[in-house]
Amino acid sequence: MAFMRLFGKKEEKSKNVAKERLRLVLVHDRADLSPKFLEMIKGDIIRVISEYVDIDEEGLDIKLTRMKRDVDNSTISALVANIPIIKVKQN
């Protein structure tokens, strides 16, 4: 029984990963941004933020997603960044 649960969880996890990848592809298409362009933005963000803080680049997560605006309930593209800060640099 535990063996079957193990496969079930892995299958569910793979399903969620595939679903997330498809969602990202659709968001990129709707925003008309290529993955190369998003990587350029990511590099620029790392460069600028690194002037002020030490960051964990391995833990860095930058995504393009869709969200609803509070003002008029329209859907817009949003760049969401999760940047782990190791320490603030002293000037």
PDB file of N, CA and C in Angstrom:
ATOM      1  N   MET A   1       0.812  -1.201   0.000  1.00  0.00           N
ATOM      2  CA  MET A   1       0.000   0.000   0.000  1.00  0.00           C
ATOM      3  C   MET A   1       0.852   1.260   0.000  1.00  0.00           C
ATOM      4  N   ALA A   2       1.882   1.302   0.839  1.00  0.00           N
ATOM      5  CA  ALA A   2       2.756   2.476   0.889  1.00  0.00           C
ATOM      6  C   ALA A   2       3.429   2.683  -0.457  1.00  0.00           C
ATOM      7  N   PHE A   3       3.718   1.583  -1.135  1.00  0.00           N
ATOM      8  CA  PHE A   3       4.333   1.653  -2.455  1.00  0.00           C
ATOM      9  C   PHE A   3       3.425   2.392  -3.443  1.00  0.00           C
ATOM     10  N   MET A   4       2.152   2.120  -3.407  1.00  0.00           N
ATOM     11  CA  MET A   4       1.190   2.770  -4.305  1.00  0.00           C
ATOM     12  C   MET A   4       1.035   4.250  -3.965  1.00  0.00           C
ATOM     13  N   ARG A   5       1.042   4.573  -2.678  1.00  0.00           N
ATOM     14  CA  ARG A   5       0.939   5.982  -2.286  1.00  0.00           C
ATOM     15  C   ARG A   5       2.147   6.756  -2.780  1.00  0.00           C
ATOM     16  N   LEU A   6       3.303   6.121  -2.735  1.00  0.00           N
ATOM     17  CA  LEU A   6       4.525   6.774  -3.198  1.00  0.00           C
ATOM     18  C   LEU A   6       4.398   7.128  -4.677  1.00  0.00           C
ATOM     19  N   PHE A   7       3.917   6.189  -5.494  1.00  0.00           N
ATOM     20  CA  PHE A   7       3.742   6.479  -6.911  1.00  0.00           C
ATOM     21  C   PHE A   7       2.664   7.523  -7.144  1.00  0.00           C
ATOM     22  N   GLY A   8       1.616   7.476  -6.363  1.00  0.00           N
ATOM     23  CA  GLY A   8       0.542   8.453  -6.503  1.00  0.00           C
ATOM     24  C   GLY A   8       1.030   9.867  -6.254  1.00  0.00           C
ATOM     25  N   LYS A   9       1.839  10.058  -5.219  1.00  0.00           N
ATOM     26  CA  LYS A   9       2.364  11.382  -4.900  1.00  0.00           C
ATOM     27  C   LYS A   9       3.294  11.876  -5.988  1.00  0.00           C
ATOM     28  N   LYS A  10       4.139  10.981  -6.504  1.00  0.00           N
ATOM     29  CA  LYS A  10       5.072  11.381  -7.560  1.00  0.00           C
ATOM     30  C   LYS A  10       4.299  11.773  -8.814  1.00  0.00           C
ATOM     31  N   GLU A  11       3.291  10.990  -9.146  1.00  0.00           N
ATOM     32  CA  GLU A  11       2.478  11.290 -10.315  1.00  0.00           C
ATOM     33  C   GLU A  11       1.784  12.636 -10.139  1.00  0.00           C
ATOM     34  N   GLU A  12       1.245  12.877  -8.957  1.00  0.00           N
ATOM     35  CA  GLU A  12       0.581  14.151  -8.669  1.00  0.00           C
ATOM     36  C   GLU A  12       1.575  15.300  -8.759  1.00  0.00           C
ATOM     37  N   LYS A  13       2.782  15.093  -8.240  1.00  0.00           N
ATOM     38  CA  LYS A  13       3.809  16.130  -8.295  1.00  0.00           C
ATOM     39  C   LYS A  13       4.183  16.418  -9.749  1.00  0.00           C
ATOM     40  N   SER A  14       4.388  15.385 -10.555  1.00  0.00           N
ATOM     41  CA  SER A  14       4.717  15.566 -11.970  1.00  0.00           C
ATOM     42  C   SER A  14       3.600  16.304 -12.692  1.00  0.00           C
ATOM     43  N   LYS A  15       2.379  15.978 -12.345  1.00  0.00           N
ATOM     44  CA  LYS A  15       1.220  16.639 -12.943  1.00  0.00           C
ATOM     45  C   LYS A  15       1.241  18.128 -12.623  1.00  0.00           C
ATOM     46  N   ASN A  16       1.536  18.470 -11.370  1.00  0.00           N
ATOM     47  CA  ASN A  16       1.575  19.876 -10.964  1.00  0.00           C
ATOM     48  C   ASN A  16       2.715  20.624 -11.636  1.00  0.00           C
ATOM     49  N   VAL A  17       3.865  19.971 -11.790  1.00  0.00           N
ATOM     50  CA  VAL A  17       5.000  20.603 -12.469  1.00  0.00           C
ATOM     51  C   VAL A  17       4.643  20.880 -13.925  1.00  0.00           C
ATOM     52  N   ALA A  18       4.053  19.910 -14.592  1.00  0.00           N
ATOM     53  CA  ALA A  18       3.658  20.091 -15.989  1.00  0.00           C
ATOM     54  C   ALA A  18       2.615  21.198 -16.124  1.00  0.00           C
ATOM     55  N   LYS A  19       1.683  21.236 -15.204  1.00  0.00           N
ATOM     56  CA  LYS A  19       0.643  22.264 -15.220  1.00  0.00           C
ATOM     57  C   LYS A  19       1.253  23.655 -15.048  1.00  0.00           C
ATOM     58  N   GLU A  20       2.218  23.790 -14.127  1.00  0.00           N
ATOM     59  CA  GLU A  20       2.884  25.071 -13.887  1.00  0.00           C
ATOM     60  C   GLU A  20       3.687  25.501 -15.113  1.00  0.00           C
ATOM     61  N   ARG A  21       4.364  24.562 -15.754  1.00  0.00           N
ATOM     62  CA  ARG A  21       5.129  24.890 -16.968  1.00  0.00           C
ATOM     63  C   ARG A  21       4.206  25.379 -18.075  1.00  0.00           C
ATOM     64  N   LEU A  22       3.096  24.719 -18.260  1.00  0.00           N
ATOM     65  CA  LEU A  22       2.141  25.142 -19.279  1.00  0.00           C
ATOM     66  C   LEU A  22       1.589  26.524 -18.962  1.00  0.00           C
ATOM     67  N   ARG A  23       1.286  26.776 -17.700  1.00  0.00           N
ATOM     68  CA  ARG A  23       0.783  28.088 -17.294  1.00  0.00           C
ATOM     69  C   ARG A  23       1.805  29.169 -17.617  1.00  0.00           C
ATOM     70  N   LEU A  24       3.076  28.905 -17.335  1.00  0.00           N
ATOM     71  CA  LEU A  24       4.127  29.884 -17.620  1.00  0.00           C
ATOM     72  C   LEU A  24       4.262  30.142 -19.117  1.00  0.00           C
ATOM     73  N   VAL A  25       4.155  29.093 -19.924  1.00  0.00           N
ATOM     74  CA  VAL A  25       4.226  29.265 -21.379  1.00  0.00           C
ATOM     75  C   VAL A  25       3.082  30.151 -21.853  1.00  0.00           C
ATOM     76  N   LEU A  26       1.889  29.919 -21.341  1.00  0.00           N
ATOM     77  CA  LEU A  26       0.736  30.728 -21.735  1.00  0.00           C
ATOM     78  C   LEU A  26       0.893  32.181 -21.310  1.00  0.00           C
ATOM     79  N   VAL A  27       1.396  32.408 -20.111  1.00  0.00           N
ATOM     80  CA  VAL A  27       1.609  33.775 -19.631  1.00  0.00           C
ATOM     81  C   VAL A  27       2.642  34.477 -20.494  1.00  0.00           C
ATOM     82  N   HIS A  28       3.731  33.791 -20.822  1.00  0.00           N
ATOM     83  CA  HIS A  28       4.768  34.383 -21.677  1.00  0.00           C
ATOM     84  C   HIS A  28       4.191  34.759 -23.033  1.00  0.00           C
ATOM     85  N   ASP A  29       3.374  33.868 -23.598  1.00  0.00           N
ATOM     86  CA  ASP A  29       2.764  34.154 -24.895  1.00  0.00           C
ATOM     87  C   ASP A  29       1.841  35.360 -24.827  1.00  0.00           C
ATOM     88  N   ARG A  30       1.028  35.447 -23.800  1.00  0.00           N
ATOM     89  CA  ARG A  30       0.090  36.561 -23.672  1.00  0.00           C
ATOM     90  C   ARG A  30       0.804  37.885 -23.448  1.00  0.00           C
ATOM     91  N   ALA A  31       1.914  37.854 -22.727  1.00  0.00           N
ATOM     92  CA  ALA A  31       2.662  39.083 -22.449  1.00  0.00           C
ATOM     93  C   ALA A  31       3.612  39.410 -23.593  1.00  0.00           C
ATOM     94  N   ASP A  32       3.763  38.502 -24.538  1.00  0.00           N
ATOM     95  CA  ASP A  32       4.646  38.683 -25.686  1.00  0.00           C
ATOM     96  C   ASP A  32       6.093  38.914 -25.242  1.00  0.00           C
ATOM     97  N   LEU A  33       6.532  38.166 -24.221  1.00  0.00           N
ATOM     98  CA  LEU A  33       7.917  38.216 -23.751  1.00  0.00           C
ATOM     99  C   LEU A  33       8.561  36.856 -23.982  1.00  0.00           C
ATOM    100  N   SER A  34       9.705  36.850 -24.611  1.00  0.00           N
ATOM    101  CA  SER A  34      10.411  35.592 -24.831  1.00  0.00           C
ATOM    102  C   SER A  34      11.140  35.187 -23.555  1.00  0.00           C
ATOM    103  N   PRO A  35      11.416  33.898 -23.394  1.00  0.00           N
ATOM    104  CA  PRO A  35      12.208  33.463 -22.237  1.00  0.00           C
ATOM    105  C   PRO A  35      13.577  34.152 -22.195  1.00  0.00           C
ATOM    106  N   LYS A  36      14.159  34.419 -23.359  1.00  0.00           N
ATOM    107  CA  LYS A  36      15.449  35.111 -23.418  1.00  0.00           C
ATOM    108  C   LYS A  36      15.327  36.516 -22.824  1.00  0.00           C
ATOM    109  N   PHE A  37      14.246  37.208 -23.160  1.00  0.00           N
ATOM    110  CA  PHE A  37      14.024  38.555 -22.638  1.00  0.00           C
ATOM    111  C   PHE A  37      13.835  38.519 -21.123  1.00  0.00           C
ATOM    112  N   LEU A  38      13.099  37.525 -20.638  1.00  0.00           N
ATOM    113  CA  LEU A  38      12.890  37.383 -19.197  1.00  0.00           C
ATOM    114  C   LEU A  38      14.216  37.109 -18.482  1.00  0.00           C
ATOM    115  N   GLU A  39      15.091  36.318 -19.094  1.00  0.00           N
ATOM    116  CA  GLU A  39      16.415  36.065 -18.513  1.00  0.00           C
ATOM    117  C   GLU A  39      17.248  37.342 -18.475  1.00  0.00           C
ATOM    118  N   MET A  40      17.107  38.194 -19.492  1.00  0.00           N
ATOM    119  CA  MET A  40      17.814  39.477 -19.493  1.00  0.00           C
ATOM    120  C   MET A  40      17.333  40.347 -18.334  1.00  0.00           C
ATOM    121  N   ILE A  41      16.030  40.384 -18.124  1.00  0.00           N
ATOM    122  CA  ILE A  41      15.461  41.146 -17.007  1.00  0.00           C
ATOM    123  C   ILE A  41      15.994  40.592 -15.687  1.00  0.00           C
ATOM    124  N   LYS A  42      16.001  39.269 -15.564  1.00  0.00           N
ATOM    125  CA  LYS A  42      16.487  38.618 -14.345  1.00  0.00           C
ATOM    126  C   LYS A  42      17.941  39.013 -14.074  1.00  0.00           C
ATOM    127  N   GLY A  43      18.777  38.998 -15.114  1.00  0.00           N
ATOM    128  CA  GLY A  43      20.179  39.383 -14.960  1.00  0.00           C
ATOM    129  C   GLY A  43      20.332  40.823 -14.507  1.00  0.00           C
ATOM    130  N   ASP A  44      19.527  41.712 -15.083  1.00  0.00           N
ATOM    131  CA  ASP A  44      19.576  43.126 -14.687  1.00  0.00           C
ATOM    132  C   ASP A  44      19.134  43.319 -13.240  1.00  0.00           C
ATOM    133  N   ILE A  45      18.084  42.606 -12.841  1.00  0.00           N
ATOM    134  CA  ILE A  45      17.598  42.706 -11.460  1.00  0.00           C
ATOM    135  C   ILE A  45      18.685  42.231 -10.493  1.00  0.00           C
ATOM    136  N   ILE A  46      19.329  41.114 -10.804  1.00  0.00           N
ATOM    137  CA  ILE A  46      20.407  40.597  -9.952  1.00  0.00           C
ATOM    138  C   ILE A  46      21.533  41.616  -9.848  1.00  0.00           C
ATOM    139  N   ARG A  47      21.927  42.185 -10.974  1.00  0.00           N
ATOM    140  CA  ARG A  47      23.032  43.149 -10.992  1.00  0.00           C
ATOM    141  C   ARG A  47      22.717  44.366 -10.126  1.00  0.00           C
ATOM    142  N   VAL A  48      21.531  44.934 -10.282  1.00  0.00           N
ATOM    143  CA  VAL A  48      21.163  46.142  -9.536  1.00  0.00           C
ATOM    144  C   VAL A  48      21.013  45.853  -8.044  1.00  0.00           C
ATOM    145  N   ILE A  49      20.291  44.809  -7.700  1.00  0.00           N
ATOM    146  CA  ILE A  49      20.062  44.494  -6.292  1.00  0.00           C
ATOM    147  C   ILE A  49      21.368  44.116  -5.593  1.00  0.00           C
ATOM    148  N   SER A  50      22.276  43.465  -6.324  1.00  0.00           N
ATOM    149  CA  SER A  50      23.557  43.052  -5.739  1.00  0.00           C
ATOM    150  C   SER A  50      24.438  44.228  -5.342  1.00  0.00           C
ATOM    151  N   GLU A  51      24.147  45.405  -5.848  1.00  0.00           N
ATOM    152  CA  GLU A  51      24.889  46.597  -5.429  1.00  0.00           C
ATOM    153  C   GLU A  51      24.570  46.958  -3.975  1.00  0.00           C
ATOM    154  N   TYR A  52      23.412  46.549  -3.488  1.00  0.00           N
ATOM    155  CA  TYR A  52      22.944  46.939  -2.162  1.00  0.00           C
ATOM    156  C   TYR A  52      22.921  45.799  -1.151  1.00  0.00           C
ATOM    157  N   VAL A  53      22.705  44.574  -1.626  1.00  0.00           N
ATOM    158  CA  VAL A  53      22.609  43.422  -0.730  1.00  0.00           C
ATOM    159  C   VAL A  53      23.278  42.207  -1.363  1.00  0.00           C
ATOM    160  N   ASP A  54      23.731  41.283  -0.507  1.00  0.00           N
ATOM    161  CA  ASP A  54      24.188  39.977  -0.982  1.00  0.00           C
ATOM    162  C   ASP A  54      22.952  39.095  -1.069  1.00  0.00           C
ATOM    163  N   ILE A  55      22.765  38.446  -2.214  1.00  0.00           N
ATOM    164  CA  ILE A  55      21.579  37.614  -2.409  1.00  0.00           C
ATOM    165  C   ILE A  55      21.978  36.167  -2.672  1.00  0.00           C
ATOM    166  N   ASP A  56      21.028  35.275  -2.438  1.00  0.00           N
ATOM    167  CA  ASP A  56      21.198  33.856  -2.741  1.00  0.00           C
ATOM    168  C   ASP A  56      20.649  33.632  -4.145  1.00  0.00           C
ATOM    169  N   GLU A  57      21.533  33.645  -5.152  1.00  0.00           N
ATOM    170  CA  GLU A  57      21.088  33.518  -6.542  1.00  0.00           C
ATOM    171  C   GLU A  57      20.447  32.165  -6.823  1.00  0.00           C
ATOM    172  N   GLU A  58      20.856  31.126  -6.086  1.00  0.00           N
ATOM    173  CA  GLU A  58      20.263  29.799  -6.278  1.00  0.00           C
ATOM    174  C   GLU A  58      18.795  29.787  -5.840  1.00  0.00           C
ATOM    175  N   GLY A  59      18.469  30.583  -4.839  1.00  0.00           N
ATOM    176  CA  GLY A  59      17.107  30.638  -4.325  1.00  0.00           C
ATOM    177  C   GLY A  59      16.238  31.673  -5.017  1.00  0.00           C
ATOM    178  N   LEU A  60      16.832  32.414  -5.941  1.00  0.00           N
ATOM    179  CA  LEU A  60      16.125  33.472  -6.659  1.00  0.00           C
ATOM    180  C   LEU A  60      15.019  32.880  -7.525  1.00  0.00           C
ATOM    181  N   ASP A  61      13.846  33.468  -7.474  1.00  0.00           N
ATOM    182  CA  ASP A  61      12.715  32.996  -8.273  1.00  0.00           C
ATOM    183  C   ASP A  61      12.000  34.208  -8.853  1.00  0.00           C
ATOM    184  N   ILE A  62      12.066  34.349 -10.168  1.00  0.00           N
ATOM    185  CA  ILE A  62      11.387  35.452 -10.849  1.00  0.00           C
ATOM    186  C   ILE A  62      10.429  34.846 -11.856  1.00  0.00           C
ATOM    187  N   LYS A  63       9.164  35.238 -11.751  1.00  0.00           N
ATOM    188  CA  LYS A  63       8.127  34.676 -12.616  1.00  0.00           C
ATOM    189  C   LYS A  63       7.316  35.782 -13.268  1.00  0.00           C
ATOM    190  N   LEU A  64       6.805  35.469 -14.411  1.00  0.00           N
ATOM    191  CA  LEU A  64       5.837  36.324 -15.071  1.00  0.00           C
ATOM    192  C   LEU A  64       4.489  35.647 -14.877  1.00  0.00           C
ATOM    193  N   THR A  65       3.534  36.369 -14.343  1.00  0.00           N
ATOM    194  CA  THR A  65       2.238  35.781 -14.038  1.00  0.00           C
ATOM    195  C   THR A  65       1.124  36.737 -14.442  1.00  0.00           C
ATOM    196  N   ARG A  66      -0.095  36.309 -14.290  1.00  0.00           N
ATOM    197  CA  ARG A  66      -1.260  37.144 -14.583  1.00  0.00           C
ATOM    198  C   ARG A  66      -1.965  37.443 -13.271  1.00  0.00           C
ATOM    199  N   MET A  67      -2.479  38.670 -13.157  1.00  0.00           N
ATOM    200  CA  MET A  67      -3.220  39.037 -11.952  1.00  0.00           C
ATOM    201  C   MET A  67      -4.311  40.039 -12.305  1.00  0.00           C
ATOM    202  N   LYS A  68      -5.294  40.139 -11.428  1.00  0.00           N
ATOM    203  CA  LYS A  68      -6.383  41.099 -11.639  1.00  0.00           C
ATOM    204  C   LYS A  68      -6.071  42.393 -10.919  1.00  0.00           C
ATOM    205  N   ARG A  69      -6.342  43.490 -11.586  1.00  0.00           N
ATOM    206  CA  ARG A  69      -6.163  44.809 -10.980  1.00  0.00           C
ATOM    207  C   ARG A  69      -7.353  45.100 -10.078  1.00  0.00           C
ATOM    208  N   ASP A  70      -7.088  45.712  -8.929  1.00  0.00           N
ATOM    209  CA  ASP A  70      -8.158  46.066  -8.001  1.00  0.00           C
ATOM    210  C   ASP A  70      -9.024  47.190  -8.555  1.00  0.00           C
ATOM    211  N   VAL A  71      -8.408  48.094  -9.290  1.00  0.00           N
ATOM    212  CA  VAL A  71      -9.099  49.293  -9.766  1.00  0.00           C
ATOM    213  C   VAL A  71     -10.254  48.960 -10.700  1.00  0.00           C
ATOM    214  N   ASP A  72      -9.973  48.176 -11.737  1.00  0.00           N
ATOM    215  CA  ASP A  72     -11.017  47.918 -12.733  1.00  0.00           C
ATOM    216  C   ASP A  72     -11.247  46.431 -13.008  1.00  0.00           C
ATOM    217  N   ASN A  73     -10.621  45.561 -12.210  1.00  0.00           N
ATOM    218  CA  ASN A  73     -10.786  44.115 -12.327  1.00  0.00           C
ATOM    219  C   ASN A  73     -10.284  43.551 -13.655  1.00  0.00           C
ATOM    220  N   SER A  74      -9.449  44.311 -14.378  1.00  0.00           N
ATOM    221  CA  SER A  74      -8.876  43.800 -15.619  1.00  0.00           C
ATOM    222  C   SER A  74      -7.673  42.912 -15.294  1.00  0.00           C
ATOM    223  N   THR A  75      -7.326  42.038 -16.225  1.00  0.00           N
ATOM    224  CA  THR A  75      -6.200  41.139 -16.037  1.00  0.00           C
ATOM    225  C   THR A  75      -4.957  41.737 -16.684  1.00  0.00           C
ATOM    226  N   ILE A  76      -3.847  41.732 -15.928  1.00  0.00           N
ATOM    227  CA  ILE A  76      -2.586  42.276 -16.430  1.00  0.00           C
ATOM    228  C   ILE A  76      -1.450  41.290 -16.146  1.00  0.00           C
ATOM    229  N   SER A  77      -0.353  41.456 -16.864  1.00  0.00           N
ATOM    230  CA  SER A  77       0.849  40.668 -16.588  1.00  0.00           C
ATOM    231  C   SER A  77       1.584  41.300 -15.417  1.00  0.00           C
ATOM    232  N   ALA A  78       2.200  40.454 -14.589  1.00  0.00           N
ATOM    233  CA  ALA A  78       2.958  40.952 -13.438  1.00  0.00           C
ATOM    234  C   ALA A  78       4.258  40.165 -13.314  1.00  0.00           C
ATOM    235  N   LEU A  79       5.324  40.885 -13.040  1.00  0.00           N
ATOM    236  CA  LEU A  79       6.615  40.263 -12.779  1.00  0.00           C
ATOM    237  C   LEU A  79       6.737  40.119 -11.264  1.00  0.00           C
ATOM    238  N   VAL A  80       6.845  38.880 -10.791  1.00  0.00           N
ATOM    239  CA  VAL A  80       6.900  38.604  -9.361  1.00  0.00           C
ATOM    240  C   VAL A  80       8.283  38.047  -9.031  1.00  0.00           C
ATOM    241  N   ALA A  81       8.953  38.668  -8.056  1.00  0.00           N
ATOM    242  CA  ALA A  81      10.304  38.242  -7.695  1.00  0.00           C
ATOM    243  C   ALA A  81      10.372  37.845  -6.227  1.00  0.00           C
ATOM    244  N   ASN A  82      10.973  36.703  -5.977  1.00  0.00           N
ATOM    245  CA  ASN A  82      11.273  36.244  -4.627  1.00  0.00           C
ATOM    246  C   ASN A  82      12.794  36.159  -4.561  1.00  0.00           C
ATOM    247  N   ILE A  83      13.419  37.094  -3.823  1.00  0.00           N
ATOM    248  CA  ILE A  83      14.871  37.217  -3.804  1.00  0.00           C
ATOM    249  C   ILE A  83      15.374  37.066  -2.368  1.00  0.00           C
ATOM    250  N   PRO A  84      15.955  35.904  -2.041  1.00  0.00           N
ATOM    251  CA  PRO A  84      16.486  35.710  -0.691  1.00  0.00           C
ATOM    252  C   PRO A  84      17.697  36.612  -0.438  1.00  0.00           C
ATOM    253  N   ILE A  85      17.623  37.416   0.608  1.00  0.00           N
ATOM    254  CA  ILE A  85      18.704  38.339   0.960  1.00  0.00           C
ATOM    255  C   ILE A  85      19.566  37.696   2.041  1.00  0.00           C
ATOM    256  N   ILE A  86      20.859  37.607   1.768  1.00  0.00           N
ATOM    257  CA  ILE A  86      21.801  37.049   2.739  1.00  0.00           C
ATOM    258  C   ILE A  86      22.188  38.118   3.752  1.00  0.00           C
ATOM    259  N   LYS A  87      22.604  39.284   3.256  1.00  0.00           N
ATOM    260  CA  LYS A  87      22.916  40.394   4.160  1.00  0.00           C
ATOM    261  C   LYS A  87      22.919  41.702   3.385  1.00  0.00           C
ATOM    262  N   VAL A  88      22.675  42.776   4.109  1.00  0.00           N
ATOM    263  CA  VAL A  88      22.698  44.117   3.530  1.00  0.00           C
ATOM    264  C   VAL A  88      24.141  44.601   3.526  1.00  0.00           C
ATOM    265  N   LYS A  89      24.561  45.174   2.395  1.00  0.00           N
ATOM    266  CA  LYS A  89      25.925  45.704   2.301  1.00  0.00           C
ATOM    267  C   LYS A  89      25.998  47.052   2.994  1.00  0.00           C
ATOM    268  N   GLN A  90      27.101  47.293   3.683  1.00  0.00           N
ATOM    269  CA  GLN A  90      27.318  48.571   4.365  1.00  0.00           C
ATOM    270  C   GLN A  90      28.051  49.512   3.422  1.00  0.00           C
ATOM    271  N   ASN A  91      27.593  50.731   3.327  1.00  0.00           N
ATOM    272  CA  ASN A  91      28.247  51.715   2.449  1.00  0.00           C
ATOM    273  C   ASN A  91      29.332  52.444   3.178  1.00  0.00           C
TER     274      ASN A  91
END
